[in-house]
Amino acid sequence: MFKTLLVYGHLLATCIALGRVLLADHKLWLWRKTPLGSTQLAYLEETQKIVTLALLALWASGLLLVLQGYLDEGQRYLLNQKLWAKVAVVVLLSLNGMLLHRIGFPQLQRGAFAALSFPARSRLALLGALSTSGWLFAAFLGVARPWNHVLPCLHVLAVFAALVALACCTALVVARVAGVGSEGRADRGSATP
């Protein structure tokens, strides 16, 4: 029963985080042409807190699940290559989240996404692409039971890398298209003393 509750808590934390990330991405796209006001910034701050708490819950429940798996199956559980790929993805998600909070969100406070320079838009878009694809892939690994003890860690990470590459290419196109018509104004605005 304890393991079932742990899996359920792990699943809920994943759903909350992934749902909030996808909703925030959608809202940010809708807000791309206007500077963020206090309501939008408060929403981003609330999203940041919710996703951070969900990520902490995922780490806690995940570590307890690994401990439970080890107690049930011994070393065989730890030899599951998919498990280590999932840990690597979650570590990357955690680091990316820190970058979003330190680099990404402060940039959004400076002005509309579309009005930022292309390098600034690209940084934001790439961080967002890594976040969304990382959350989606981590959730997928949670249900990809047929991959347990079958696929090597590097193969799982290669699939993840392909997904991230596709997401990043899409993000760069979005960053370019979002600035069409705004980039000249942003460059002229930054050239003034």
N, C-alpha and C. Protein backbone atom coordinates (compact mmCIF):
# COMPACT_ATOMS: atom_id res chain seq x y z
N MET A 1 0.82 -1.20 0.00
CA MET A 1 0.00 0.00 0.00
C MET A 1 0.86 1.27 0.00
N PHE A 2 1.97 1.21 0.77
CA PHE A 2 2.86 2.38 0.84
C PHE A 2 3.41 2.72 -0.54
N LYS A 3 3.84 1.70 -1.28
CA LYS A 3 4.39 1.93 -2.61
C LYS A 3 3.33 2.51 -3.55
N THR A 4 2.11 2.04 -3.46
CA THR A 4 1.03 2.57 -4.29
C THR A 4 0.80 4.04 -4.00
N LEU A 5 0.79 4.41 -2.73
CA LEU A 5 0.61 5.81 -2.36
C LEU A 5 1.79 6.66 -2.86
N LEU A 6 2.99 6.10 -2.77
CA LEU A 6 4.18 6.81 -3.27
C LEU A 6 4.08 7.05 -4.78
N VAL A 7 3.72 6.02 -5.51
CA VAL A 7 3.57 6.15 -6.96
C VAL A 7 2.49 7.17 -7.28
N TYR A 8 1.39 7.13 -6.53
CA TYR A 8 0.30 8.09 -6.75
C TYR A 8 0.77 9.52 -6.49
N GLY A 9 1.48 9.74 -5.39
CA GLY A 9 2.02 11.07 -5.10
C GLY A 9 2.99 11.53 -6.17
N HIS A 10 3.81 10.62 -6.65
CA HIS A 10 4.78 10.92 -7.70
C HIS A 10 4.04 11.33 -8.98
N LEU A 11 2.99 10.58 -9.30
CA LEU A 11 2.19 10.89 -10.48
C LEU A 11 1.50 12.24 -10.35
N LEU A 12 0.91 12.52 -9.19
CA LEU A 12 0.25 13.81 -8.98
C LEU A 12 1.22 14.97 -9.13
N ALA A 13 2.40 14.84 -8.55
CA ALA A 13 3.40 15.91 -8.65
C ALA A 13 3.79 16.13 -10.11
N THR A 14 3.93 15.05 -10.87
CA THR A 14 4.26 15.16 -12.29
C THR A 14 3.14 15.88 -13.04
N CYS A 15 1.90 15.48 -12.78
CA CYS A 15 0.76 16.09 -13.47
C CYS A 15 0.65 17.58 -13.15
N ILE A 16 0.83 17.93 -11.90
CA ILE A 16 0.74 19.33 -11.49
C ILE A 16 1.82 20.15 -12.18
N ALA A 17 3.06 19.67 -12.13
CA ALA A 17 4.17 20.41 -12.73
C ALA A 17 4.01 20.51 -14.24
N LEU A 18 3.74 19.39 -14.90
CA LEU A 18 3.62 19.39 -16.35
C LEU A 18 2.45 20.25 -16.80
N GLY A 19 1.32 20.13 -16.12
CA GLY A 19 0.16 20.95 -16.47
C GLY A 19 0.45 22.43 -16.33
N ARG A 20 1.12 22.79 -15.26
CA ARG A 20 1.42 24.21 -15.03
C ARG A 20 2.44 24.72 -16.05
N VAL A 21 3.43 23.91 -16.39
CA VAL A 21 4.43 24.32 -17.39
C VAL A 21 3.76 24.54 -18.74
N LEU A 22 2.91 23.60 -19.16
CA LEU A 22 2.24 23.74 -20.46
C LEU A 22 1.31 24.95 -20.48
N LEU A 23 0.60 25.18 -19.39
CA LEU A 23 -0.30 26.33 -19.32
C LEU A 23 0.49 27.64 -19.34
N ALA A 24 1.60 27.67 -18.61
CA ALA A 24 2.44 28.88 -18.60
C ALA A 24 3.03 29.15 -19.98
N ASP A 25 3.46 28.10 -20.68
CA ASP A 25 3.98 28.27 -22.04
C ASP A 25 2.90 28.88 -22.95
N HIS A 26 1.69 28.38 -22.82
CA HIS A 26 0.58 28.91 -23.63
C HIS A 26 0.32 30.38 -23.31
N LYS A 27 0.26 30.71 -22.03
CA LYS A 27 0.01 32.10 -21.63
C LYS A 27 1.15 33.02 -22.10
N LEU A 28 2.39 32.56 -21.96
CA LEU A 28 3.52 33.38 -22.40
C LEU A 28 3.45 33.66 -23.90
N TRP A 29 3.00 32.67 -24.66
CA TRP A 29 2.85 32.89 -26.10
C TRP A 29 1.77 33.95 -26.36
N LEU A 30 0.68 33.90 -25.62
CA LEU A 30 -0.38 34.90 -25.79
C LEU A 30 0.09 36.29 -25.39
N TRP A 31 1.00 36.36 -24.42
CA TRP A 31 1.49 37.64 -23.91
C TRP A 31 2.75 38.13 -24.63
N ARG A 32 3.18 37.47 -25.67
CA ARG A 32 4.48 37.74 -26.28
C ARG A 32 4.66 39.16 -26.80
N LYS A 33 3.59 39.85 -27.17
CA LYS A 33 3.72 41.16 -27.81
C LYS A 33 3.57 42.33 -26.85
N THR A 34 3.24 42.06 -25.61
CA THR A 34 3.06 43.15 -24.65
C THR A 34 3.96 42.93 -23.45
N PRO A 35 4.45 44.02 -22.87
CA PRO A 35 5.23 43.87 -21.64
C PRO A 35 4.36 43.25 -20.55
N LEU A 36 4.96 42.44 -19.72
CA LEU A 36 4.20 41.76 -18.68
C LEU A 36 3.87 42.74 -17.56
N GLY A 37 2.60 42.77 -17.20
CA GLY A 37 2.15 43.62 -16.09
C GLY A 37 2.27 42.87 -14.78
N SER A 38 1.80 43.51 -13.72
CA SER A 38 1.93 42.91 -12.39
C SER A 38 1.14 41.61 -12.29
N THR A 39 -0.01 41.51 -12.95
CA THR A 39 -0.81 40.29 -12.91
C THR A 39 -0.07 39.13 -13.57
N GLN A 40 0.52 39.39 -14.75
CA GLN A 40 1.26 38.34 -15.45
C GLN A 40 2.52 37.93 -14.67
N LEU A 41 3.22 38.91 -14.13
CA LEU A 41 4.42 38.60 -13.34
C LEU A 41 4.07 37.80 -12.09
N ALA A 42 2.93 38.14 -11.47
CA ALA A 42 2.49 37.38 -10.30
C ALA A 42 2.15 35.94 -10.70
N TYR A 43 1.55 35.77 -11.89
CA TYR A 43 1.24 34.43 -12.38
C TYR A 43 2.53 33.63 -12.58
N LEU A 44 3.55 34.26 -13.19
CA LEU A 44 4.83 33.57 -13.40
C LEU A 44 5.48 33.20 -12.07
N GLU A 45 5.40 34.09 -11.10
CA GLU A 45 5.98 33.81 -9.79
C GLU A 45 5.25 32.65 -9.12
N GLU A 46 3.92 32.65 -9.23
CA GLU A 46 3.14 31.55 -8.66
C GLU A 46 3.48 30.23 -9.38
N THR A 47 3.62 30.29 -10.70
CA THR A 47 3.98 29.10 -11.47
C THR A 47 5.34 28.59 -11.03
N GLN A 48 6.28 29.51 -10.85
CA GLN A 48 7.63 29.14 -10.41
C GLN A 48 7.56 28.40 -9.07
N LYS A 49 6.76 28.91 -8.14
CA LYS A 49 6.65 28.26 -6.82
C LYS A 49 6.00 26.89 -6.93
N ILE A 50 4.92 26.80 -7.71
CA ILE A 50 4.20 25.53 -7.85
C ILE A 50 5.11 24.47 -8.49
N VAL A 51 5.79 24.84 -9.57
CA VAL A 51 6.65 23.87 -10.26
C VAL A 51 7.84 23.48 -9.37
N THR A 52 8.38 24.43 -8.63
CA THR A 52 9.48 24.13 -7.72
C THR A 52 9.04 23.15 -6.63
N LEU A 53 7.87 23.40 -6.05
CA LEU A 53 7.34 22.48 -5.03
C LEU A 53 7.06 21.10 -5.63
N ALA A 54 6.51 21.08 -6.83
CA ALA A 54 6.23 19.79 -7.49
C ALA A 54 7.54 19.05 -7.77
N LEU A 55 8.57 19.79 -8.19
CA LEU A 55 9.86 19.16 -8.46
C LEU A 55 10.48 18.60 -7.17
N LEU A 56 10.35 19.34 -6.08
CA LEU A 56 10.85 18.83 -4.80
C LEU A 56 10.07 17.57 -4.38
N ALA A 57 8.76 17.58 -4.60
CA ALA A 57 7.94 16.41 -4.29
C ALA A 57 8.35 15.23 -5.17
N LEU A 58 8.68 15.51 -6.43
CA LEU A 58 9.14 14.45 -7.33
C LEU A 58 10.46 13.86 -6.87
N TRP A 59 11.38 14.73 -6.47
CA TRP A 59 12.67 14.23 -5.97
C TRP A 59 12.45 13.36 -4.73
N ALA A 60 11.64 13.86 -3.78
CA ALA A 60 11.42 13.12 -2.54
C ALA A 60 10.74 11.78 -2.81
N SER A 61 9.64 11.81 -3.56
CA SER A 61 8.92 10.57 -3.83
C SER A 61 9.75 9.64 -4.72
N GLY A 62 10.51 10.20 -5.64
CA GLY A 62 11.36 9.39 -6.51
C GLY A 62 12.44 8.67 -5.73
N LEU A 63 13.08 9.39 -4.81
CA LEU A 63 14.11 8.75 -3.99
C LEU A 63 13.52 7.66 -3.10
N LEU A 64 12.32 7.92 -2.56
CA LEU A 64 11.67 6.89 -1.76
C LEU A 64 11.27 5.68 -2.61
N LEU A 65 10.85 5.92 -3.85
CA LEU A 65 10.52 4.81 -4.76
C LEU A 65 11.77 3.99 -5.10
N VAL A 66 12.89 4.67 -5.28
CA VAL A 66 14.14 3.95 -5.56
C VAL A 66 14.52 3.11 -4.34
N LEU A 67 14.40 3.68 -3.15
CA LEU A 67 14.70 2.94 -1.93
C LEU A 67 13.76 1.73 -1.80
N GLN A 68 12.48 1.96 -2.05
CA GLN A 68 11.50 0.86 -1.97
C GLN A 68 11.83 -0.22 -3.01
N GLY A 69 12.18 0.20 -4.23
CA GLY A 69 12.54 -0.76 -5.27
C GLY A 69 13.77 -1.56 -4.89
N TYR A 70 14.75 -0.90 -4.29
CA TYR A 70 15.96 -1.58 -3.85
C TYR A 70 15.65 -2.59 -2.75
N LEU A 71 14.79 -2.19 -1.80
CA LEU A 71 14.43 -3.10 -0.71
C LEU A 71 13.65 -4.31 -1.23
N ASP A 72 12.84 -4.09 -2.27
CA ASP A 72 12.03 -5.18 -2.83
C ASP A 72 12.84 -6.10 -3.75
N GLU A 73 13.69 -5.50 -4.59
CA GLU A 73 14.36 -6.28 -5.65
C GLU A 73 15.88 -6.36 -5.50
N GLY A 74 16.43 -5.61 -4.58
CA GLY A 74 17.88 -5.59 -4.42
C GLY A 74 18.57 -4.86 -5.56
N GLN A 75 19.78 -5.29 -5.86
CA GLN A 75 20.58 -4.60 -6.88
C GLN A 75 19.96 -4.65 -8.27
N ARG A 76 19.15 -5.64 -8.53
CA ARG A 76 18.51 -5.74 -9.84
C ARG A 76 17.75 -4.45 -10.16
N TYR A 77 17.09 -3.88 -9.15
CA TYR A 77 16.33 -2.64 -9.36
C TYR A 77 17.26 -1.51 -9.80
N LEU A 78 18.42 -1.43 -9.17
CA LEU A 78 19.36 -0.36 -9.49
C LEU A 78 20.04 -0.56 -10.84
N LEU A 79 19.97 -1.75 -11.40
CA LEU A 79 20.58 -2.01 -12.70
C LEU A 79 19.66 -1.62 -13.86
N ASN A 80 18.48 -1.12 -13.57
CA ASN A 80 17.55 -0.69 -14.60
C ASN A 80 18.10 0.60 -15.25
N GLN A 81 18.54 0.49 -16.49
CA GLN A 81 19.15 1.63 -17.19
C GLN A 81 18.16 2.78 -17.41
N LYS A 82 16.90 2.45 -17.58
CA LYS A 82 15.89 3.50 -17.77
C LYS A 82 15.79 4.39 -16.52
N LEU A 83 15.96 3.78 -15.36
CA LEU A 83 15.93 4.53 -14.11
C LEU A 83 17.01 5.61 -14.12
N TRP A 84 18.21 5.25 -14.54
CA TRP A 84 19.31 6.22 -14.53
C TRP A 84 19.13 7.29 -15.60
N ALA A 85 18.51 6.93 -16.71
CA ALA A 85 18.19 7.93 -17.73
C ALA A 85 17.17 8.92 -17.17
N LYS A 86 16.20 8.41 -16.44
CA LYS A 86 15.19 9.30 -15.84
C LYS A 86 15.82 10.23 -14.82
N VAL A 87 16.74 9.71 -14.02
CA VAL A 87 17.44 10.55 -13.05
C VAL A 87 18.21 11.65 -13.79
N ALA A 88 18.88 11.29 -14.88
CA ALA A 88 19.63 12.28 -15.65
C ALA A 88 18.71 13.37 -16.21
N VAL A 89 17.55 12.97 -16.71
CA VAL A 89 16.59 13.95 -17.26
C VAL A 89 16.10 14.87 -16.15
N VAL A 90 15.80 14.33 -14.97
CA VAL A 90 15.29 15.14 -13.87
C VAL A 90 16.38 16.08 -13.33
N VAL A 91 17.63 15.62 -13.32
CA VAL A 91 18.74 16.51 -12.93
C VAL A 91 18.83 17.67 -13.92
N LEU A 92 18.74 17.36 -15.20
CA LEU A 92 18.78 18.41 -16.23
C LEU A 92 17.60 19.36 -16.08
N LEU A 93 16.42 18.83 -15.80
CA LEU A 93 15.24 19.67 -15.58
C LEU A 93 15.46 20.60 -14.38
N SER A 94 16.05 20.08 -13.34
CA SER A 94 16.31 20.89 -12.14
C SER A 94 17.28 22.03 -12.45
N LEU A 95 18.35 21.72 -13.17
CA LEU A 95 19.32 22.75 -13.55
C LEU A 95 18.69 23.78 -14.49
N ASN A 96 17.89 23.30 -15.44
CA ASN A 96 17.22 24.20 -16.37
C ASN A 96 16.25 25.12 -15.63
N GLY A 97 15.57 24.57 -14.63
CA GLY A 97 14.66 25.39 -13.82
C GLY A 97 15.40 26.52 -13.12
N MET A 98 16.59 26.22 -12.61
CA MET A 98 17.40 27.29 -11.98
C MET A 98 17.76 28.37 -12.99
N LEU A 99 18.14 27.95 -14.19
CA LEU A 99 18.48 28.92 -15.23
C LEU A 99 17.27 29.76 -15.63
N LEU A 100 16.11 29.13 -15.71
CA LEU A 100 14.89 29.88 -16.04
C LEU A 100 14.62 30.95 -14.99
N HIS A 101 14.82 30.61 -13.74
CA HIS A 101 14.55 31.55 -12.66
C HIS A 101 15.59 32.66 -12.60
N ARG A 102 16.83 32.34 -12.91
CA ARG A 102 17.91 33.34 -12.81
C ARG A 102 18.09 34.16 -14.09
N ILE A 103 17.83 33.56 -15.24
CA ILE A 103 18.08 34.24 -16.51
C ILE A 103 16.78 34.54 -17.26
N GLY A 104 15.93 33.52 -17.39
CA GLY A 104 14.75 33.64 -18.23
C GLY A 104 13.72 34.62 -17.72
N PHE A 105 13.22 34.40 -16.52
CA PHE A 105 12.15 35.23 -16.00
C PHE A 105 12.57 36.69 -15.80
N PRO A 106 13.80 36.97 -15.33
CA PRO A 106 14.20 38.38 -15.25
C PRO A 106 14.19 39.09 -16.61
N GLN A 107 14.50 38.36 -17.69
CA GLN A 107 14.46 38.98 -19.02
C GLN A 107 13.03 39.36 -19.39
N LEU A 108 12.08 38.55 -19.00
CA LEU A 108 10.68 38.85 -19.31
C LEU A 108 10.18 40.09 -18.56
N GLN A 109 10.84 40.44 -17.47
CA GLN A 109 10.44 41.63 -16.72
C GLN A 109 10.92 42.91 -17.40
N ARG A 110 11.84 42.78 -18.36
CA ARG A 110 12.40 43.96 -19.04
C ARG A 110 11.55 44.45 -20.20
N GLY A 111 10.66 43.61 -20.69
CA GLY A 111 9.83 44.03 -21.81
C GLY A 111 9.17 42.84 -22.49
N ALA A 112 8.41 43.15 -23.51
CA ALA A 112 7.70 42.11 -24.25
C ALA A 112 8.69 41.14 -24.89
N PHE A 113 8.35 39.88 -24.90
CA PHE A 113 9.19 38.85 -25.51
C PHE A 113 9.52 39.22 -26.95
N ALA A 114 8.52 39.64 -27.71
CA ALA A 114 8.72 39.96 -29.13
C ALA A 114 9.65 41.15 -29.32
N ALA A 115 9.74 42.03 -28.32
CA ALA A 115 10.57 43.22 -28.44
C ALA A 115 12.02 42.98 -28.00
N LEU A 116 12.29 41.84 -27.38
CA LEU A 116 13.66 41.54 -26.97
C LEU A 116 14.52 41.27 -28.20
N SER A 117 15.82 41.39 -28.05
CA SER A 117 16.72 41.07 -29.15
C SER A 117 16.61 39.58 -29.48
N PHE A 118 17.00 39.21 -30.68
CA PHE A 118 16.92 37.80 -31.08
C PHE A 118 17.74 36.90 -30.15
N PRO A 119 18.97 37.29 -29.75
CA PRO A 119 19.70 36.42 -28.80
C PRO A 119 18.95 36.23 -27.47
N ALA A 120 18.33 37.30 -26.97
CA ALA A 120 17.58 37.18 -25.71
C ALA A 120 16.34 36.31 -25.89
N ARG A 121 15.63 36.51 -27.00
CA ARG A 121 14.46 35.66 -27.29
C ARG A 121 14.89 34.21 -27.45
N SER A 122 16.02 33.99 -28.10
CA SER A 122 16.52 32.63 -28.32
C SER A 122 16.85 31.94 -27.00
N ARG A 123 17.52 32.65 -26.10
CA ARG A 123 17.84 32.07 -24.79
C ARG A 123 16.57 31.63 -24.07
N LEU A 124 15.59 32.54 -24.05
CA LEU A 124 14.33 32.22 -23.39
C LEU A 124 13.63 31.04 -24.05
N ALA A 125 13.59 31.07 -25.37
CA ALA A 125 12.90 30.00 -26.11
C ALA A 125 13.60 28.66 -25.90
N LEU A 126 14.93 28.65 -25.88
CA LEU A 126 15.66 27.40 -25.69
C LEU A 126 15.47 26.84 -24.27
N LEU A 127 15.48 27.74 -23.28
CA LEU A 127 15.21 27.29 -21.91
C LEU A 127 13.80 26.72 -21.80
N GLY A 128 12.85 27.39 -22.43
CA GLY A 128 11.47 26.89 -22.43
C GLY A 128 11.33 25.56 -23.15
N ALA A 129 12.03 25.43 -24.29
CA ALA A 129 11.97 24.17 -25.05
C ALA A 129 12.54 23.02 -24.24
N LEU A 130 13.64 23.26 -23.56
CA LEU A 130 14.24 22.21 -22.73
C LEU A 130 13.32 21.85 -21.57
N SER A 131 12.69 22.87 -20.98
CA SER A 131 11.76 22.62 -19.88
C SER A 131 10.58 21.77 -20.33
N THR A 132 9.91 22.20 -21.38
CA THR A 132 8.72 21.47 -21.84
C THR A 132 9.06 20.06 -22.30
N SER A 133 10.09 19.93 -23.14
CA SER A 133 10.44 18.60 -23.63
C SER A 133 10.94 17.71 -22.49
N GLY A 134 11.66 18.30 -21.53
CA GLY A 134 12.14 17.53 -20.38
C GLY A 134 11.01 17.00 -19.52
N TRP A 135 10.04 17.86 -19.22
CA TRP A 135 8.90 17.43 -18.42
C TRP A 135 8.09 16.36 -19.16
N LEU A 136 7.87 16.56 -20.45
CA LEU A 136 7.11 15.58 -21.22
C LEU A 136 7.84 14.23 -21.26
N PHE A 137 9.16 14.27 -21.44
CA PHE A 137 9.92 13.01 -21.54
C PHE A 137 10.01 12.32 -20.18
N ALA A 138 10.19 13.09 -19.12
CA ALA A 138 10.24 12.49 -17.78
C ALA A 138 8.91 11.80 -17.47
N ALA A 139 7.80 12.44 -17.84
CA ALA A 139 6.48 11.83 -17.63
C ALA A 139 6.36 10.55 -18.47
N PHE A 140 6.86 10.61 -19.70
CA PHE A 140 6.82 9.43 -20.55
C PHE A 140 7.62 8.28 -19.94
N LEU A 141 8.80 8.59 -19.41
CA LEU A 141 9.63 7.53 -18.81
C LEU A 141 8.93 6.89 -17.61
N GLY A 142 8.10 7.68 -16.94
CA GLY A 142 7.36 7.12 -15.81
C GLY A 142 6.38 6.03 -16.21
N VAL A 143 5.90 6.08 -17.45
CA VAL A 143 4.94 5.06 -17.90
C VAL A 143 5.54 4.08 -18.90
N ALA A 144 6.78 4.28 -19.29
CA ALA A 144 7.43 3.42 -20.30
C ALA A 144 7.96 2.14 -19.65
N ARG A 145 7.09 1.40 -19.04
CA ARG A 145 7.48 0.15 -18.36
C ARG A 145 8.16 -0.85 -19.30
N PRO A 146 7.73 -0.94 -20.58
CA PRO A 146 8.41 -1.91 -21.46
C PRO A 146 9.91 -1.62 -21.66
N TRP A 147 10.36 -0.40 -21.33
CA TRP A 147 11.78 -0.07 -21.47
C TRP A 147 12.60 -0.53 -20.27
N ASN A 148 11.94 -0.91 -19.17
CA ASN A 148 12.66 -1.35 -17.97
C ASN A 148 13.53 -2.55 -18.29
N HIS A 149 14.81 -2.46 -17.92
CA HIS A 149 15.78 -3.55 -18.08
C HIS A 149 15.92 -4.00 -19.54
N VAL A 150 15.54 -3.14 -20.49
CA VAL A 150 15.63 -3.50 -21.91
C VAL A 150 16.56 -2.54 -22.64
N LEU A 151 16.26 -1.26 -22.57
CA LEU A 151 17.06 -0.27 -23.28
C LEU A 151 18.22 0.24 -22.43
N PRO A 152 19.40 0.34 -23.02
CA PRO A 152 20.53 0.95 -22.29
C PRO A 152 20.26 2.44 -22.04
N CYS A 153 20.85 2.95 -21.00
CA CYS A 153 20.70 4.35 -20.62
C CYS A 153 21.02 5.29 -21.79
N LEU A 154 22.09 5.01 -22.51
CA LEU A 154 22.48 5.88 -23.62
C LEU A 154 21.44 5.90 -24.74
N HIS A 155 20.75 4.79 -24.97
CA HIS A 155 19.69 4.77 -25.99
C HIS A 155 18.52 5.63 -25.55
N VAL A 156 18.15 5.52 -24.28
CA VAL A 156 17.05 6.34 -23.76
C VAL A 156 17.43 7.82 -23.85
N LEU A 157 18.66 8.14 -23.47
CA LEU A 157 19.11 9.54 -23.55
C LEU A 157 19.23 10.02 -24.99
N ALA A 158 19.51 9.12 -25.92
CA ALA A 158 19.55 9.51 -27.34
C ALA A 158 18.16 9.88 -27.82
N VAL A 159 17.15 9.15 -27.39
CA VAL A 159 15.77 9.51 -27.73
C VAL A 159 15.44 10.88 -27.15
N PHE A 160 15.84 11.10 -25.89
CA PHE A 160 15.62 12.40 -25.25
C PHE A 160 16.35 13.51 -26.00
N ALA A 161 17.59 13.27 -26.40
CA ALA A 161 18.37 14.27 -27.13
C ALA A 161 17.69 14.63 -28.45
N ALA A 162 17.14 13.63 -29.13
CA ALA A 162 16.44 13.90 -30.39
C ALA A 162 15.20 14.75 -30.14
N LEU A 163 14.47 14.46 -29.07
CA LEU A 163 13.29 15.27 -28.72
C LEU A 163 13.70 16.70 -28.38
N VAL A 164 14.76 16.85 -27.60
CA VAL A 164 15.24 18.18 -27.23
C VAL A 164 15.72 18.94 -28.47
N ALA A 165 16.42 18.27 -29.35
CA ALA A 165 16.90 18.93 -30.58
C ALA A 165 15.73 19.43 -31.41
N LEU A 166 14.70 18.63 -31.55
CA LEU A 166 13.51 19.05 -32.29
C LEU A 166 12.83 20.23 -31.61
N ALA A 167 12.70 20.15 -30.28
CA ALA A 167 12.08 21.25 -29.52
C ALA A 167 12.90 22.53 -29.64
N CYS A 168 14.23 22.41 -29.61
CA CYS A 168 15.10 23.59 -29.69
C CYS A 168 15.04 24.23 -31.09
N CYS A 169 15.01 23.40 -32.12
CA CYS A 169 14.88 23.94 -33.49
C CYS A 169 13.56 24.68 -33.63
N THR A 170 12.50 24.09 -33.11
CA THR A 170 11.18 24.75 -33.14
C THR A 170 11.22 26.05 -32.35
N ALA A 171 11.86 26.03 -31.20
CA ALA A 171 11.95 27.21 -30.35
C ALA A 171 12.69 28.35 -31.04
N LEU A 172 13.76 28.02 -31.77
CA LEU A 172 14.50 29.06 -32.49
C LEU A 172 13.67 29.67 -33.61
N VAL A 173 12.89 28.84 -34.28
CA VAL A 173 11.98 29.37 -35.31
C VAL A 173 10.95 30.28 -34.67
N VAL A 174 10.39 29.85 -33.55
CA VAL A 174 9.41 30.67 -32.84
C VAL A 174 10.04 31.98 -32.38
N ALA A 175 11.26 31.93 -31.87
CA ALA A 175 11.95 33.14 -31.43
C ALA A 175 12.18 34.10 -32.59
N ARG A 176 12.50 33.57 -33.75
CA ARG A 176 12.71 34.40 -34.94
C ARG A 176 11.39 35.03 -35.39
N VAL A 177 10.35 34.19 -35.51
CA VAL A 177 9.05 34.67 -35.99
C VAL A 177 8.43 35.66 -35.01
N ALA A 178 8.60 35.43 -33.72
CA ALA A 178 8.00 36.31 -32.72
C ALA A 178 8.54 37.73 -32.80
N GLY A 179 9.76 37.87 -33.29
CA GLY A 179 10.37 39.20 -33.34
C GLY A 179 10.19 39.91 -34.66
N VAL A 180 9.55 39.28 -35.64
CA VAL A 180 9.37 39.93 -36.94
C VAL A 180 8.57 41.20 -36.75
N GLY A 181 9.15 42.30 -37.18
CA GLY A 181 8.52 43.60 -37.03
C GLY A 181 8.87 44.30 -35.74
N SER A 182 9.32 43.55 -34.73
CA SER A 182 9.66 44.16 -33.45
C SER A 182 11.15 44.32 -33.27
N GLU A 183 11.94 43.52 -33.98
CA GLU A 183 13.37 43.49 -33.73
C GLU A 183 14.04 44.83 -34.02
N GLY A 184 13.65 45.48 -35.08
CA GLY A 184 14.24 46.78 -35.40
C GLY A 184 13.95 47.79 -34.32
N ARG A 185 12.71 47.77 -33.79
CA ARG A 185 12.36 48.70 -32.70
C ARG A 185 13.16 48.39 -31.46
N ALA A 186 13.36 47.11 -31.14
CA ALA A 186 14.13 46.73 -29.96
C ALA A 186 15.59 47.17 -30.10
N ASP A 187 16.16 46.96 -31.30
CA ASP A 187 17.55 47.36 -31.52
C ASP A 187 17.70 48.87 -31.43
N ARG A 188 16.75 49.62 -31.98
CA ARG A 188 16.83 51.08 -31.91
C ARG A 188 16.68 51.54 -30.48
N GLY A 189 15.80 50.87 -29.71
CA GLY A 189 15.60 51.24 -28.32
C GLY A 189 16.82 50.97 -27.47
N SER A 190 17.55 49.91 -27.76
CA SER A 190 18.73 49.60 -26.95
C SER A 190 19.92 50.46 -27.35
N ALA A 191 19.86 51.10 -28.54
CA ALA A 191 20.97 51.93 -28.97
C ALA A 191 20.95 53.30 -28.33
N THR A 192 19.83 53.70 -27.76
CA THR A 192 19.77 55.02 -27.14
C THR A 192 20.46 55.00 -25.80
N PRO A 193 21.16 56.09 -25.46
CA PRO A 193 21.91 56.11 -24.20
C PRO A 193 21.01 56.16 -23.00
